[in-house]
Amino acid sequence: MFGCLVAGRLVQTEALQVAPDKFVFNLADYEAVRHVVVFMLGTVPFPAGTGGAVYFSFPDPASGAAVWQLLGFITNDKPSAIFKISGLKPGGGGGDEGGAAAAAAAHAFGAVPSAACGSVAQVGVSVEPLEQLAQQIPAAGAAVSSVDSFLQFTQRTLDSLYNFASSFAVSQAQMVPNPSETFIPSSCVLKWYENFQRRLSQNPNFWKS
């Protein structure tokens, strides 16, 4: 159901299923890893109303015990995400709620065979209700790829522009002649909006060319 990818390494698609709703990937030599990609394979969707909380576990340098932290989540509508793990530190949680999420992960994955020792870490995916995912706070520093943030910003900018322009729309019968004004049909704005949105979905970097 899930895959895990680190740049320069083979894709992992054989997750260890430790419970009906818990999956784990082992991550060797994690000290050299800056980012990790977690994604759905597209063969099995999440059950309705659920998504996957993505956790990262690494050995505490002092005690050697596994430290679990919440990275973020994936869903049927957001089937992949890039997480930064290079800046995570033992005990980090991103606030009280983030700490609670980490504690919940430690409990949920507590029975996992201990691969989190030496230079081996683990990435865990826990199937949880979407309402629960929305309330959790990822660990500080586990920022998702800026590509997702850029797409969200651009989409909201498009929506804002179209809604703002549409708020001034009037029918021809309502138009008052004004030589100092230039009028543009709202259909032109809508056409531009749809074309830009389509091109953005095909290639988020099309505007660079």
Protein backbone atom coordinates (compact mmCIF):
# COMPACT_ATOMS: atom_id res chain seq x y z
CA MET A 1 0.00 0.00 0.00
CA PHE A 2 2.91 2.38 0.76
CA GLY A 3 6.36 3.19 -0.57
CA CYS A 4 9.36 4.97 0.93
CA LEU A 5 12.13 6.68 -1.01
CA VAL A 6 15.46 8.29 -0.16
CA ALA A 7 17.40 10.04 -2.93
CA GLY A 8 20.16 7.81 -4.31
CA ARG A 9 18.64 4.62 -2.92
CA LEU A 10 16.27 1.96 -4.19
CA VAL A 11 12.57 2.48 -3.54
CA GLN A 12 11.20 0.49 -0.61
CA THR A 13 7.76 -0.99 -1.22
CA GLU A 14 7.86 -3.92 1.21
CA ALA A 15 6.75 -2.37 4.47
CA LEU A 16 6.64 -4.46 7.61
CA GLN A 17 2.99 -4.65 8.70
CA VAL A 18 3.09 -4.73 12.49
CA ALA A 19 -0.68 -4.33 13.00
CA PRO A 20 -3.76 -4.15 10.74
CA ASP A 21 -3.30 -0.36 10.56
CA LYS A 22 0.46 0.05 11.20
CA PHE A 23 3.34 -0.22 8.71
CA VAL A 24 7.08 0.31 9.15
CA PHE A 25 10.10 0.83 6.86
CA ASN A 26 13.67 0.42 8.11
CA LEU A 27 16.00 3.26 7.17
CA ALA A 28 19.70 2.36 7.24
CA ASP A 29 22.42 4.99 7.72
CA TYR A 30 19.79 7.57 8.56
CA GLU A 31 22.42 10.11 9.67
CA ALA A 32 23.23 10.71 6.00
CA VAL A 33 19.57 11.14 4.99
CA ARG A 34 18.17 14.67 4.73
CA HIS A 35 14.73 14.03 3.27
CA VAL A 36 12.42 11.04 2.94
CA VAL A 37 9.48 10.59 0.59
CA VAL A 38 6.46 8.56 1.69
CA PHE A 39 3.81 7.76 -0.89
CA MET A 40 0.87 5.51 -1.72
CA LEU A 41 1.46 2.87 -4.39
CA GLY A 42 -1.96 3.47 -5.90
CA THR A 43 -3.04 -0.15 -5.55
CA VAL A 44 -5.04 0.18 -2.34
CA PRO A 45 -6.69 3.44 -1.18
CA PHE A 46 -7.23 4.48 2.40
CA PRO A 47 -10.61 3.46 3.83
CA ALA A 48 -13.15 6.30 3.64
CA GLY A 49 -12.55 8.96 6.27
CA THR A 50 -8.99 7.90 7.06
CA GLY A 51 -5.43 8.82 6.11
CA GLY A 52 -1.90 7.90 7.12
CA ALA A 53 0.03 9.63 9.90
CA VAL A 54 3.74 9.41 9.05
CA TYR A 55 6.17 8.97 11.95
CA PHE A 56 9.96 8.82 12.17
CA SER A 57 11.89 6.87 14.82
CA PHE A 58 15.60 7.04 15.61
CA PRO A 59 17.76 5.95 18.56
CA ASP A 60 18.29 8.41 21.37
CA PRO A 61 22.08 8.96 21.61
CA ALA A 62 21.94 8.84 25.42
CA SER A 63 19.65 5.90 26.15
CA GLY A 64 19.50 4.11 22.80
CA ALA A 65 15.71 3.98 23.13
CA ALA A 66 13.61 4.66 20.04
CA VAL A 67 12.41 8.27 19.76
CA TRP A 68 9.21 8.63 17.71
CA GLN A 69 8.21 11.93 16.13
CA LEU A 70 5.31 12.90 13.87
CA LEU A 71 6.37 14.08 10.40
CA GLY A 72 2.97 14.73 8.82
CA PHE A 73 0.43 12.73 6.86
CA ILE A 74 -0.71 11.43 3.50
CA THR A 75 -4.28 10.84 2.28
CA ASN A 76 -6.13 9.69 -0.82
CA ASP A 77 -6.22 13.35 -1.93
CA LYS A 78 -2.56 13.90 -1.00
CA PRO A 79 -0.95 10.53 -1.80
CA SER A 80 2.67 11.59 -1.35
CA ALA A 81 4.77 13.96 0.72
CA ILE A 82 8.41 14.90 1.27
CA PHE A 83 9.60 15.27 4.86
CA LYS A 84 12.82 16.73 6.24
CA ILE A 85 14.39 14.51 8.89
CA SER A 86 17.92 15.88 9.06
CA GLY A 87 17.01 18.56 11.60
CA LEU A 88 15.04 16.38 14.00
CA LYS A 89 16.43 16.07 17.51
CA PRO A 90 15.69 13.65 20.36
CA GLY A 91 12.70 14.75 22.41
CA GLY A 92 11.34 17.11 19.73
CA GLY A 93 7.60 17.15 19.28
CA GLY A 94 6.51 20.51 17.93
CA GLY A 95 4.54 21.56 21.01
CA ASP A 96 2.25 19.83 23.47
CA GLU A 97 0.01 18.29 20.82
CA GLY A 98 3.04 17.22 18.81
CA GLY A 99 4.48 15.62 21.93
CA ALA A 100 1.20 13.81 22.50
CA ALA A 101 1.29 12.56 18.91
CA ALA A 102 4.84 11.31 19.41
CA ALA A 103 3.82 9.56 22.63
CA ALA A 104 0.91 7.95 20.82
CA ALA A 105 3.27 6.79 18.08
CA ALA A 106 5.69 5.33 20.61
CA HIS A 107 2.82 3.38 22.12
CA ALA A 108 1.42 2.31 18.74
CA PHE A 109 4.75 1.16 17.36
CA GLY A 110 6.14 -0.02 20.66
CA ALA A 111 5.87 -3.69 19.67
CA VAL A 112 7.85 -3.20 16.46
CA PRO A 113 11.07 -5.26 16.29
CA SER A 114 13.80 -2.86 17.44
CA ALA A 115 15.59 -1.78 14.29
CA ALA A 116 16.08 1.70 15.74
CA CYS A 117 19.61 1.08 16.98
CA GLY A 118 23.02 2.03 15.73
CA SER A 119 22.58 3.80 12.40
CA VAL A 120 19.18 2.30 11.58
CA ALA A 121 15.99 4.32 11.97
CA GLN A 122 12.38 3.61 11.07
CA VAL A 123 9.56 5.34 9.20
CA GLY A 124 6.09 4.33 10.35
CA VAL A 125 2.69 4.87 8.76
CA SER A 126 -0.39 4.64 10.99
CA VAL A 127 -3.90 4.61 9.46
CA GLU A 128 -5.96 7.09 11.48
CA PRO A 129 -9.21 9.12 11.12
CA LEU A 130 -8.85 12.32 9.10
CA GLU A 131 -10.28 14.34 11.99
CA GLN A 132 -7.48 13.07 14.20
CA LEU A 133 -4.81 13.82 11.60
CA ALA A 134 -6.04 17.40 11.27
CA GLN A 135 -5.53 18.00 15.00
CA GLN A 136 -1.97 16.70 15.20
CA ILE A 137 1.08 18.96 15.03
CA PRO A 138 4.18 17.61 13.25
CA ALA A 139 7.59 17.83 14.86
CA ALA A 140 9.33 21.18 14.43
CA GLY A 141 11.69 21.04 11.46
CA ALA A 142 9.85 18.29 9.60
CA ALA A 143 8.56 20.77 7.04
CA VAL A 144 6.89 19.31 3.98
CA SER A 145 8.39 20.06 0.58
CA SER A 146 8.03 23.67 -0.54
CA VAL A 147 6.47 22.37 -3.78
CA ASP A 148 3.27 21.54 -1.90
CA SER A 149 3.30 24.95 -0.20
CA PHE A 150 3.83 26.67 -3.55
CA LEU A 151 0.93 24.79 -5.13
CA GLN A 152 -1.36 25.70 -2.23
CA PHE A 153 -0.28 29.35 -2.40
CA THR A 154 -0.82 29.49 -6.17
CA GLN A 155 -4.22 27.80 -5.98
CA ARG A 156 -5.42 30.18 -3.30
CA THR A 157 -4.08 33.15 -5.29
CA LEU A 158 -6.04 32.00 -8.32
CA ASP A 159 -9.19 31.59 -6.27
CA SER A 160 -8.74 35.00 -4.66
CA LEU A 161 -8.20 36.76 -8.01
CA TYR A 162 -11.19 35.10 -9.64
CA ASN A 163 -13.50 35.72 -6.68
CA PHE A 164 -12.37 39.35 -6.43
CA ALA A 165 -12.87 40.01 -10.15
CA SER A 166 -16.22 38.21 -10.15
CA SER A 167 -17.50 40.41 -7.32
CA PHE A 168 -17.51 43.35 -9.76
CA ALA A 169 -19.33 41.48 -12.53
CA VAL A 170 -22.43 43.15 -14.00
CA SER A 171 -24.68 42.25 -16.88
CA GLN A 172 -24.73 44.37 -20.05
CA ALA A 173 -28.09 45.80 -19.00
CA GLN A 174 -26.53 47.00 -15.74
CA MET A 175 -23.46 48.60 -17.33
CA VAL A 176 -23.18 52.37 -17.15
CA PRO A 177 -21.10 53.99 -19.96
CA ASN A 178 -17.79 55.26 -18.63
CA PRO A 179 -15.13 56.35 -21.17
CA SER A 180 -12.35 56.11 -18.55
CA GLU A 181 -12.97 52.44 -17.78
CA THR A 182 -11.94 49.32 -19.74
CA PHE A 183 -14.25 46.34 -19.34
CA ILE A 184 -13.12 42.73 -19.65
CA PRO A 185 -15.66 39.89 -20.02
CA SER A 186 -15.65 37.67 -16.94
CA SER A 187 -15.50 34.67 -19.27
CA CYS A 188 -11.95 35.73 -20.20
CA VAL A 189 -10.87 35.66 -16.55
CA LEU A 190 -12.52 32.28 -16.09
CA LYS A 191 -10.78 30.89 -19.18
CA TRP A 192 -7.39 32.13 -17.95
CA TYR A 193 -8.09 30.67 -14.50
CA GLU A 194 -8.95 27.23 -15.92
CA ASN A 195 -5.96 27.19 -18.31
CA PHE A 196 -3.51 28.24 -15.60
CA GLN A 197 -4.91 25.67 -13.18
CA ARG A 198 -4.66 22.91 -15.79
CA ARG A 199 -1.05 23.75 -16.67
CA LEU A 200 -0.11 23.99 -12.99
CA SER A 201 -1.51 20.51 -12.31
CA GLN A 202 0.49 19.10 -15.22
CA ASN A 203 3.76 20.82 -14.32
CA PRO A 204 4.13 23.00 -11.19
CA ASN A 205 7.25 24.61 -12.72
CA PHE A 206 5.78 25.50 -16.11
CA TRP A 207 5.90 29.21 -15.27
CA LYS A 208 9.71 29.10 -15.18
CA SER A 209 9.99 28.43 -18.92
